[in-house]
């Protein structure tokens, strides 16, 4: 999932965020200049070629993770689970 340009998304009780691959950052979720709230979800077994195997936040991104399992993600660069660059979590 890629969120750009001031998008606002809520993901609630989702177990489908798994076994994804990204050729850049954010294997499961990439957020740039947007916000995402994830509740009661599992972000597992994802891969990013660069940063943030599970979740990558960039620019003015904001993420809220509530009751979220982030496990077994990997990245070729920084943040196997989560990568945060100029953003907040």
N, C-alpha and C. Protein backbone atom coordinates (compact mmCIF):
# COMPACT_ATOMS: atom_id res chain seq x y z
N UNK A 1 0.84 -1.15 0.00
CA UNK A 1 0.00 0.00 0.00
C UNK A 1 0.90 1.23 0.00
N UNK A 2 0.59 2.17 -0.86
CA UNK A 2 1.37 3.39 -0.98
C UNK A 2 0.47 4.59 -0.74
N UNK A 3 0.78 5.39 0.26
CA UNK A 3 0.00 6.58 0.58
C UNK A 3 0.82 7.82 0.30
N UNK A 4 0.31 8.68 -0.57
CA UNK A 4 1.01 9.89 -0.98
C UNK A 4 0.09 11.10 -0.93
N UNK A 5 0.68 12.29 -0.91
CA UNK A 5 -0.04 13.55 -1.10
C UNK A 5 -1.21 13.76 -0.13
N UNK A 6 -0.92 13.71 1.16
CA UNK A 6 -1.87 14.03 2.21
C UNK A 6 -3.05 13.06 2.29
N UNK A 7 -2.83 11.80 1.95
CA UNK A 7 -3.85 10.77 2.14
C UNK A 7 -4.01 10.48 3.62
N UNK A 8 -5.19 10.03 4.02
CA UNK A 8 -5.45 9.62 5.39
C UNK A 8 -6.18 8.29 5.34
N UNK A 9 -5.57 7.26 5.95
CA UNK A 9 -6.14 5.92 5.87
C UNK A 9 -6.14 5.29 7.26
N UNK A 10 -7.20 4.53 7.56
CA UNK A 10 -7.27 3.73 8.77
C UNK A 10 -7.39 2.27 8.36
N UNK A 11 -6.50 1.44 8.89
CA UNK A 11 -6.54 0.00 8.66
C UNK A 11 -6.91 -0.63 9.99
N UNK A 12 -8.04 -1.33 10.02
CA UNK A 12 -8.56 -1.85 11.28
C UNK A 12 -8.76 -3.36 11.21
N UNK A 13 -8.11 -4.10 12.14
CA UNK A 13 -8.21 -5.55 12.26
C UNK A 13 -7.94 -6.27 10.94
N UNK A 14 -6.80 -6.01 10.39
CA UNK A 14 -6.41 -6.59 9.11
C UNK A 14 -5.25 -7.56 9.31
N UNK A 15 -5.35 -8.74 8.76
CA UNK A 15 -4.24 -9.69 8.81
C UNK A 15 -3.68 -9.94 7.42
N UNK A 16 -4.07 -9.13 6.46
CA UNK A 16 -3.67 -9.34 5.08
C UNK A 16 -2.37 -8.65 4.70
N UNK A 17 -1.78 -7.90 5.62
CA UNK A 17 -0.57 -7.15 5.31
C UNK A 17 0.63 -8.09 5.53
N UNK A 18 0.79 -9.06 4.63
CA UNK A 18 1.87 -10.02 4.76
C UNK A 18 2.34 -10.51 3.40
N UNK A 19 3.61 -10.94 3.38
CA UNK A 19 4.23 -11.52 2.21
C UNK A 19 4.19 -10.61 0.98
N UNK A 20 4.50 -9.33 1.21
CA UNK A 20 4.60 -8.36 0.12
C UNK A 20 6.06 -8.04 -0.13
N UNK A 21 6.36 -7.52 -1.33
CA UNK A 21 7.70 -7.09 -1.67
C UNK A 21 7.63 -5.73 -2.36
N UNK A 22 8.61 -4.89 -2.06
CA UNK A 22 8.69 -3.58 -2.69
C UNK A 22 10.06 -3.41 -3.32
N UNK A 23 10.09 -2.81 -4.50
CA UNK A 23 11.38 -2.58 -5.17
C UNK A 23 12.06 -1.32 -4.65
N UNK A 24 11.41 -0.63 -3.73
CA UNK A 24 11.98 0.56 -3.11
C UNK A 24 11.84 0.41 -1.61
N UNK A 25 11.07 1.24 -0.94
CA UNK A 25 10.89 1.16 0.50
C UNK A 25 9.47 0.78 0.86
N UNK A 26 9.28 0.29 2.08
CA UNK A 26 7.94 -0.05 2.56
C UNK A 26 7.39 -1.31 1.95
N UNK A 27 7.89 -2.45 2.39
CA UNK A 27 7.44 -3.72 1.83
C UNK A 27 5.94 -3.91 1.90
N UNK A 28 5.33 -3.55 3.02
CA UNK A 28 3.88 -3.66 3.16
C UNK A 28 3.20 -2.31 2.98
N UNK A 29 3.73 -1.28 3.67
CA UNK A 29 3.11 0.04 3.64
C UNK A 29 4.18 1.12 3.48
N UNK A 30 3.99 2.00 2.51
CA UNK A 30 4.87 3.15 2.32
C UNK A 30 4.03 4.40 2.47
N UNK A 31 4.46 5.31 3.36
CA UNK A 31 3.70 6.53 3.63
C UNK A 31 4.61 7.75 3.44
N UNK A 32 4.21 8.67 2.57
CA UNK A 32 4.96 9.90 2.34
C UNK A 32 3.99 11.08 2.34
N UNK A 33 4.24 12.04 3.22
CA UNK A 33 3.40 13.24 3.33
C UNK A 33 1.93 12.88 3.52
N UNK A 34 1.66 11.83 4.26
CA UNK A 34 0.31 11.34 4.53
C UNK A 34 0.26 10.76 5.93
N UNK A 35 -0.92 10.25 6.32
CA UNK A 35 -1.01 9.62 7.63
C UNK A 35 -1.77 8.31 7.53
N UNK A 36 -1.36 7.38 8.39
CA UNK A 36 -2.01 6.08 8.46
C UNK A 36 -2.18 5.69 9.92
N UNK A 37 -3.31 5.12 10.23
CA UNK A 37 -3.55 4.56 11.55
C UNK A 37 -3.83 3.08 11.35
N UNK A 38 -3.06 2.25 12.01
CA UNK A 38 -3.22 0.80 11.89
C UNK A 38 -3.59 0.26 13.26
N UNK A 39 -4.71 -0.47 13.32
CA UNK A 39 -5.21 -1.01 14.59
C UNK A 39 -5.43 -2.51 14.48
N UNK A 40 -4.93 -3.25 15.45
CA UNK A 40 -5.21 -4.67 15.54
C UNK A 40 -4.82 -5.46 14.30
N UNK A 41 -3.69 -5.14 13.72
CA UNK A 41 -3.28 -5.79 12.47
C UNK A 41 -1.97 -6.54 12.66
N UNK A 42 -1.63 -7.33 11.67
CA UNK A 42 -0.36 -8.02 11.62
C UNK A 42 0.37 -7.61 10.35
N UNK A 43 1.59 -7.12 10.50
CA UNK A 43 2.44 -6.76 9.37
C UNK A 43 3.63 -7.71 9.43
N UNK A 44 3.55 -8.80 8.67
CA UNK A 44 4.54 -9.87 8.78
C UNK A 44 5.03 -10.34 7.42
N UNK A 45 6.26 -10.83 7.41
CA UNK A 45 6.88 -11.49 6.25
C UNK A 45 6.89 -10.62 5.00
N UNK A 46 7.26 -9.36 5.14
CA UNK A 46 7.36 -8.44 4.01
C UNK A 46 8.82 -8.11 3.75
N UNK A 47 9.12 -7.65 2.54
CA UNK A 47 10.50 -7.33 2.16
C UNK A 47 10.53 -6.06 1.34
N UNK A 48 11.51 -5.20 1.62
CA UNK A 48 11.76 -4.01 0.82
C UNK A 48 13.20 -4.04 0.34
N UNK A 49 13.41 -3.75 -0.91
CA UNK A 49 14.76 -3.73 -1.47
C UNK A 49 15.63 -2.70 -0.76
N UNK A 50 15.05 -1.56 -0.38
CA UNK A 50 15.81 -0.52 0.31
C UNK A 50 15.44 -0.49 1.79
N UNK A 51 14.62 0.46 2.23
CA UNK A 51 14.36 0.66 3.66
C UNK A 51 12.93 0.29 4.04
N UNK A 52 12.77 -0.15 5.30
CA UNK A 52 11.43 -0.41 5.84
C UNK A 52 10.77 -1.65 5.30
N UNK A 53 11.22 -2.81 5.73
CA UNK A 53 10.63 -4.06 5.25
C UNK A 53 9.15 -4.15 5.51
N UNK A 54 8.71 -3.72 6.69
CA UNK A 54 7.28 -3.75 7.01
C UNK A 54 6.60 -2.43 6.70
N UNK A 55 7.23 -1.33 7.13
CA UNK A 55 6.62 -0.01 7.02
C UNK A 55 7.70 1.04 6.82
N UNK A 56 7.52 1.91 5.84
CA UNK A 56 8.45 3.02 5.61
C UNK A 56 7.68 4.33 5.68
N UNK A 57 8.19 5.26 6.51
CA UNK A 57 7.60 6.59 6.64
C UNK A 57 8.60 7.61 6.15
N UNK A 58 8.15 8.52 5.31
CA UNK A 58 9.05 9.48 4.68
C UNK A 58 8.41 10.86 4.67
N UNK A 59 9.23 11.90 4.78
CA UNK A 59 8.73 13.28 4.70
C UNK A 59 7.83 13.61 5.87
N UNK A 60 6.72 14.26 5.61
CA UNK A 60 5.79 14.67 6.66
C UNK A 60 4.79 13.56 6.97
N UNK A 61 5.22 12.33 6.94
CA UNK A 61 4.35 11.19 7.22
C UNK A 61 4.11 11.06 8.72
N UNK A 62 2.97 10.48 9.05
CA UNK A 62 2.62 10.23 10.44
C UNK A 62 1.93 8.87 10.50
N UNK A 63 2.35 8.04 11.45
CA UNK A 63 1.72 6.73 11.61
C UNK A 63 1.40 6.48 13.07
N UNK A 64 0.26 5.86 13.29
CA UNK A 64 -0.14 5.43 14.62
C UNK A 64 -0.40 3.93 14.54
N UNK A 65 0.35 3.16 15.34
CA UNK A 65 0.20 1.71 15.38
C UNK A 65 -0.34 1.33 16.74
N UNK A 66 -1.54 0.73 16.76
CA UNK A 66 -2.20 0.38 18.00
C UNK A 66 -2.51 -1.12 17.98
N UNK A 67 -1.88 -1.87 18.88
CA UNK A 67 -2.10 -3.31 18.93
C UNK A 67 -1.68 -4.01 17.66
N UNK A 68 -0.54 -3.60 17.11
CA UNK A 68 -0.06 -4.12 15.83
C UNK A 68 1.16 -5.00 16.06
N UNK A 69 1.16 -6.17 15.45
CA UNK A 69 2.31 -7.06 15.47
C UNK A 69 3.11 -6.79 14.20
N UNK A 70 4.38 -6.40 14.36
CA UNK A 70 5.29 -6.20 13.23
C UNK A 70 6.42 -7.20 13.43
N UNK A 71 6.46 -8.26 12.60
CA UNK A 71 7.43 -9.33 12.82
C UNK A 71 7.87 -9.98 11.50
N UNK A 72 9.09 -10.48 11.52
CA UNK A 72 9.64 -11.25 10.39
C UNK A 72 9.63 -10.48 9.08
N UNK A 73 9.90 -9.19 9.14
CA UNK A 73 10.06 -8.36 7.95
C UNK A 73 11.55 -8.13 7.73
N UNK A 74 11.95 -7.84 6.51
CA UNK A 74 13.37 -7.58 6.25
C UNK A 74 13.52 -6.54 5.14
N UNK A 75 14.71 -5.92 5.13
CA UNK A 75 15.00 -4.89 4.14
C UNK A 75 16.45 -4.98 3.73
N UNK A 76 16.72 -4.63 2.49
CA UNK A 76 18.10 -4.59 2.00
C UNK A 76 18.87 -3.43 2.57
N UNK A 77 18.17 -2.39 3.06
CA UNK A 77 18.81 -1.22 3.66
C UNK A 77 18.51 -1.14 5.13
N UNK A 78 18.04 0.01 5.58
CA UNK A 78 17.76 0.23 7.00
C UNK A 78 16.34 -0.18 7.38
N UNK A 79 16.15 -0.54 8.62
CA UNK A 79 14.82 -0.80 9.17
C UNK A 79 14.15 -2.04 8.62
N UNK A 80 14.57 -3.19 9.08
CA UNK A 80 13.92 -4.43 8.65
C UNK A 80 12.44 -4.43 8.94
N UNK A 81 12.06 -3.87 10.09
CA UNK A 81 10.64 -3.77 10.46
C UNK A 81 10.06 -2.43 10.02
N UNK A 82 10.68 -1.33 10.50
CA UNK A 82 10.16 0.02 10.24
C UNK A 82 11.31 0.97 9.96
N UNK A 83 11.14 1.82 8.96
CA UNK A 83 12.11 2.87 8.65
C UNK A 83 11.39 4.21 8.74
N UNK A 84 11.98 5.15 9.50
CA UNK A 84 11.38 6.47 9.67
C UNK A 84 12.41 7.52 9.26
N UNK A 85 12.08 8.34 8.24
CA UNK A 85 12.96 9.39 7.75
C UNK A 85 12.18 10.70 7.74
N UNK A 86 12.46 11.57 8.69
CA UNK A 86 11.79 12.88 8.75
C UNK A 86 10.32 12.78 9.01
N UNK A 87 9.85 11.72 9.66
CA UNK A 87 8.45 11.49 9.90
C UNK A 87 8.23 11.18 11.37
N UNK A 88 6.99 10.89 11.77
CA UNK A 88 6.74 10.54 13.16
C UNK A 88 5.90 9.27 13.26
N UNK A 89 6.16 8.53 14.33
CA UNK A 89 5.40 7.30 14.57
C UNK A 89 5.03 7.24 16.03
